[in-house]
Protein backbone atom coordinates (compact mmCIF):
# COMPACT_ATOMS: atom_id res chain seq x y z
CA UNK A 1 25.90 19.57 8.37
CA UNK A 2 25.67 16.17 10.07
CA UNK A 3 27.98 15.29 12.99
CA UNK A 4 26.64 11.88 13.96
CA UNK A 5 25.13 8.76 12.26
CA UNK A 6 23.69 5.68 14.07
CA UNK A 7 23.56 2.38 12.22
CA UNK A 8 22.75 -1.16 13.32
CA UNK A 9 24.35 -4.26 11.89
CA UNK A 10 21.98 -6.73 10.07
CA UNK A 11 21.14 -9.93 11.89
CA UNK A 12 21.14 -13.41 10.39
CA UNK A 13 17.35 -13.29 10.27
CA UNK A 14 17.48 -10.63 7.69
CA UNK A 15 16.35 -13.34 5.31
CA UNK A 16 12.84 -13.17 7.13
CA UNK A 17 12.55 -9.35 6.55
CA UNK A 18 9.36 -7.88 5.25
CA UNK A 19 9.27 -7.67 1.48
CA UNK A 20 6.90 -6.55 -1.23
CA UNK A 21 9.26 -8.00 -3.85
CA UNK A 22 9.76 -11.74 -3.13
CA UNK A 23 10.77 -12.27 -6.79
CA UNK A 24 14.15 -10.68 -5.92
CA UNK A 25 14.97 -13.59 -3.69
CA UNK A 26 16.11 -13.70 -0.09
CA UNK A 27 19.02 -11.58 1.12
CA UNK A 28 22.48 -13.18 1.28
CA UNK A 29 23.53 -12.52 4.95
CA UNK A 30 27.26 -12.61 4.34
CA UNK A 31 26.99 -10.26 1.45
CA UNK A 32 24.59 -7.91 3.43
CA UNK A 33 27.25 -7.77 6.24
CA UNK A 34 30.02 -6.70 3.74
CA UNK A 35 27.61 -4.15 2.07
CA UNK A 36 26.86 -2.78 5.58
CA UNK A 37 30.52 -2.48 6.34
CA UNK A 38 31.13 -0.58 3.10
CA UNK A 39 28.21 1.67 3.87
CA UNK A 40 29.81 2.56 7.29
CA UNK A 41 33.03 3.38 5.49
CA UNK A 42 31.15 5.64 2.95
CA UNK A 43 29.61 7.51 5.83
CA UNK A 44 32.91 7.96 7.66
CA UNK A 45 34.41 9.51 4.51
CA UNK A 46 31.84 12.21 4.80
CA UNK A 47 33.27 13.42 8.13
CA UNK A 48 30.69 12.01 10.57
CA UNK A 49 31.05 9.92 13.76
CA UNK A 50 29.30 6.60 13.21
CA UNK A 51 27.80 4.74 16.20
CA UNK A 52 27.56 1.01 15.24
CA UNK A 53 25.08 -0.93 17.07
CA UNK A 54 25.22 -4.72 17.29
CA UNK A 55 22.62 -6.86 15.46
CA UNK A 56 19.46 -7.81 17.20
CA UNK A 57 18.25 -11.31 16.28
CA UNK A 58 14.77 -10.60 17.66
CA UNK A 59 13.95 -8.30 14.69
CA UNK A 60 14.75 -9.29 11.12
CA UNK A 61 14.31 -5.65 9.84
CA UNK A 62 16.09 -3.89 12.69
CA UNK A 63 19.08 -2.75 10.57
CA UNK A 64 16.68 -0.23 9.12
CA UNK A 65 17.04 2.20 12.13
CA UNK A 66 15.69 5.13 10.17
CA UNK A 67 12.22 4.04 10.95
CA UNK A 68 12.72 4.08 14.74
CA UNK A 69 13.26 7.84 15.27
CA UNK A 70 13.42 11.27 13.62
CA UNK A 71 16.40 13.23 14.95
CA UNK A 72 16.17 17.01 14.49
CA UNK A 73 18.48 19.82 15.55
CA UNK A 74 16.16 20.62 18.42
CA UNK A 75 14.58 17.31 19.61
CA UNK A 76 14.46 13.57 19.13
CA UNK A 77 11.10 12.01 18.25
CA UNK A 78 10.81 8.35 18.99
CA UNK A 79 8.41 6.85 16.53
CA UNK A 80 5.75 4.17 16.68
CA UNK A 81 6.29 1.81 13.71
CA UNK A 82 3.14 0.71 12.00
CA UNK A 83 4.50 -2.78 11.04
CA UNK A 84 3.58 -5.03 14.00
CA UNK A 85 6.75 -7.09 13.50
CA UNK A 86 8.81 -3.96 13.98
CA UNK A 87 7.04 -2.02 16.56
CA UNK A 88 9.21 -2.79 19.49
CA UNK A 89 12.49 -1.99 17.70
CA UNK A 90 12.23 1.41 19.24
CA UNK A 91 12.91 0.03 22.70
CA UNK A 92 16.59 -0.68 21.95
CA UNK A 93 17.08 2.71 20.36
CA UNK A 94 15.85 4.86 23.23
CA UNK A 95 18.98 4.42 25.43
CA UNK A 96 21.21 5.03 22.41
CA UNK A 97 19.36 8.30 21.52
CA UNK A 98 19.65 9.32 25.19
CA UNK A 99 23.43 9.57 24.69
CA UNK A 100 22.89 12.41 22.24
CA UNK A 101 19.66 14.17 23.48
CA UNK A 102 18.51 15.03 27.07
CA UNK A 103 15.32 13.52 28.24
CA UNK A 104 13.44 16.81 28.15
CA UNK A 105 14.16 16.90 24.42
CA UNK A 106 13.03 13.38 23.59
CA UNK A 107 9.38 13.05 22.47
CA UNK A 108 7.24 10.01 21.61
CA UNK A 109 4.56 9.12 19.08
CA UNK A 110 1.93 7.27 21.08
CA UNK A 111 -0.78 4.79 19.99
CA UNK A 112 -3.11 4.84 18.21
CA UNK A 113 -0.73 7.04 16.24
CA UNK A 114 1.88 5.30 14.02
CA UNK A 115 4.75 6.85 12.29
CA UNK A 116 7.93 5.44 10.67
CA UNK A 117 11.01 7.62 9.90
CA UNK A 118 11.05 6.41 6.25
CA UNK A 119 7.92 8.54 5.82
CA UNK A 120 9.72 11.71 7.02
CA UNK A 121 11.80 13.98 4.84
CA UNK A 122 13.70 16.83 6.41
CA UNK A 123 14.12 20.05 4.36
CA UNK A 124 15.82 22.54 6.66
CA UNK A 125 13.48 23.05 9.51
CA UNK A 126 10.41 21.76 7.67
CA UNK A 127 9.42 18.08 7.69
CA UNK A 128 7.24 16.43 4.98
CA UNK A 129 5.50 13.36 6.30
CA UNK A 130 4.02 10.73 4.00
CA UNK A 131 0.77 9.19 5.04
CA UNK A 132 1.22 5.54 4.30
CA UNK A 133 0.29 2.04 5.37
CA UNK A 134 2.85 2.50 8.19
CA UNK A 135 2.25 6.12 9.11
CA UNK A 136 -1.35 7.18 9.90
CA UNK A 137 -3.25 10.43 10.40
CA UNK A 138 -2.98 10.41 14.15
CA UNK A 139 0.81 9.77 13.95
CA UNK A 140 1.14 12.71 11.67
CA UNK A 141 -1.01 14.97 13.92
CA UNK A 142 1.21 14.13 16.90
CA UNK A 143 4.41 14.54 14.92
CA UNK A 144 3.55 18.01 13.58
CA UNK A 145 2.41 19.08 17.09
CA UNK A 146 5.68 18.09 18.55
CA UNK A 147 7.68 19.93 15.80
CA UNK A 148 5.61 23.07 16.36
CA UNK A 149 6.45 22.89 20.05
CA UNK A 150 10.13 23.38 19.06
CA UNK A 151 9.64 26.00 16.42
CA UNK A 152 9.74 23.58 13.55
CA UNK A 153 7.05 22.78 10.99
CA UNK A 154 5.66 19.82 9.15
CA UNK A 155 3.12 18.95 6.50
CA UNK A 156 1.36 15.85 5.27
CA UNK A 157 2.02 14.23 1.87
CA UNK A 158 -0.44 11.81 0.50
CA UNK A 159 1.02 8.61 -0.85
CA UNK A 160 -0.71 6.29 -3.34
CA UNK A 161 1.97 3.95 -4.75
CA UNK A 162 5.09 3.66 -2.53
CA UNK A 163 5.89 2.11 0.84
CA UNK A 164 7.50 5.16 2.34
CA UNK A 165 7.76 8.81 1.33
CA UNK A 166 11.54 8.51 0.82
CA UNK A 167 11.09 5.54 -1.40
CA UNK A 168 10.41 8.03 -4.22
CA UNK A 169 11.46 11.46 -3.12
CA UNK A 170 14.68 12.67 -1.47
CA UNK A 171 16.08 16.12 -0.67
CA UNK A 172 19.79 16.45 -1.44
CA UNK A 173 20.08 20.11 -0.14
CA UNK A 174 20.69 23.29 -2.12
CA UNK A 175 16.98 23.27 -2.99
CA UNK A 176 17.45 20.10 -5.06
CA UNK A 177 15.22 17.02 -4.92
CA UNK A 178 15.30 13.67 -6.56
CA UNK A 179 11.80 12.66 -7.60
CA UNK A 180 10.27 9.59 -9.16
CA UNK A 181 6.82 8.14 -9.93
CA UNK A 182 3.90 9.78 -8.19
CA UNK A 183 6.18 12.62 -6.86
CA UNK A 184 7.24 14.08 -10.21
CA UNK A 185 4.23 16.34 -10.40
CA UNK A 186 3.17 16.61 -6.72
CA UNK A 187 2.38 20.28 -5.94
CA UNK A 188 3.96 19.85 -2.47
CA UNK A 189 7.34 19.95 -4.12
CA UNK A 190 6.75 22.59 -6.93
CA UNK A 191 9.17 25.08 -5.50
CA UNK A 192 12.27 22.80 -5.64
CA UNK A 193 14.68 22.04 -8.42
CA UNK A 194 13.52 18.57 -9.40
CA UNK A 195 15.68 15.88 -10.83
CA UNK A 196 13.53 13.26 -12.29
CA UNK A 197 14.62 9.67 -11.86
CA UNK A 198 13.67 7.39 -14.85
CA UNK A 199 11.17 4.64 -13.90
CA UNK A 200 13.55 1.82 -14.65
CA UNK A 201 15.95 3.14 -11.94
CA UNK A 202 13.29 4.37 -9.48
CA UNK A 203 14.74 2.31 -6.59
CA UNK A 204 17.83 4.63 -6.69
CA UNK A 205 15.76 7.66 -5.98
CA UNK A 206 16.59 6.81 -2.38
CA UNK A 207 19.98 8.70 -2.21
CA UNK A 208 21.25 10.52 0.90
CA UNK A 209 23.22 13.74 1.15
CA UNK A 210 25.86 13.79 3.79
CA UNK A 211 27.90 16.89 4.34
CA UNK A 212 28.10 17.87 0.61
CA UNK A 213 28.51 14.39 -0.75
CA UNK A 214 25.66 12.10 -1.96
CA UNK A 215 25.55 8.38 -1.47
CA UNK A 216 23.90 6.74 -4.46
CA UNK A 217 22.94 3.05 -4.79
CA UNK A 218 25.54 1.14 -7.01
CA UNK A 219 24.54 -0.15 -10.45
CA UNK A 220 22.16 2.60 -11.33
CA UNK A 221 24.17 4.58 -13.81
CA UNK A 222 21.45 7.02 -14.91
CA UNK A 223 20.79 8.16 -11.35
CA UNK A 224 24.55 8.35 -10.67
CA UNK A 225 24.95 10.71 -13.66
CA UNK A 226 21.95 12.83 -12.63
CA UNK A 227 23.55 13.34 -9.26
CA UNK A 228 26.99 14.12 -10.71
CA UNK A 229 25.41 16.59 -13.22
CA UNK A 230 23.72 18.30 -10.30
CA UNK A 231 27.18 19.10 -9.02
CA UNK A 232 27.71 16.57 -6.25
CA UNK A 233 30.54 14.26 -5.38
CA UNK A 234 29.01 10.77 -5.63
CA UNK A 235 29.81 7.80 -3.42
CA UNK A 236 28.42 4.50 -4.79
CA UNK A 237 27.21 1.99 -2.21
CA UNK A 238 25.84 -1.44 -3.14
CA UNK A 239 22.51 -2.19 -1.37
CA UNK A 240 21.32 -5.09 -3.46
CA UNK A 241 20.58 -7.31 -0.37
CA UNK A 242 18.67 -4.57 1.40
CA UNK A 243 16.48 -3.92 -1.67
CA UNK A 244 15.25 -7.55 -1.35
CA UNK A 245 13.53 -6.53 1.89
CA UNK A 246 12.23 -3.13 0.75
CA UNK A 247 15.26 -1.24 2.07
CA UNK A 248 17.45 1.56 0.75
CA UNK A 249 20.34 3.83 1.63
CA UNK A 250 18.38 6.17 3.89
CA UNK A 251 16.68 3.22 5.81
CA UNK A 252 19.98 2.05 7.07
CA UNK A 253 20.95 5.09 9.30
CA UNK A 254 19.92 7.97 11.47
CA UNK A 255 21.79 11.15 10.48
CA UNK A 256 21.83 14.22 12.64
């Protein structure tokens, strides 16, 4: 169960966010603000306390707080984002995380290691880590060493096609996993009940489980039905403006 969630409002420079899909156009800032507010309400309906941080105009992508830290039940791990324009986003997050974790339980990924939280998927006390353009071998080595120090475990997953691990695979508890693209047949996930997301709705593989409910991107009816058929209560949240800068539901929060 999650008790807390940290989110950060989008800044007006969200239109300058990193994107691999410029054909989708630039985000509409006012609409992004409304979508973010609805996201917060959806989270609150799952019974969590939501800490809302004010927007930071210095960092266009800073609403994607998930990449700045991995928050486990035993420790907080401050990441070292691999995207140069995002690297210093962690500085603003450290004092916030100190409100929830004591200093002796806060660890740091240090250069030359890079790691972004979007590449980390928690399954109980095991953490799968995607090796990507943003998360390198040294970052993964440090991350797994930190986990093991606290009695947790981790393993590397090779990525070939997606930006982040959770772009294409997401754990929704109860041994259930949403998988798309290159993750459908990955041996790393053979032991889970896999729900295959059709290619045309691959973006919506990025759903998040919060205390028994699953937040699903709006306007992806096949994924919505897959999650409902798996036995979950679904909450639809529109993330159209965040999709334009490579963001999804999980990217917008730290859940712990």
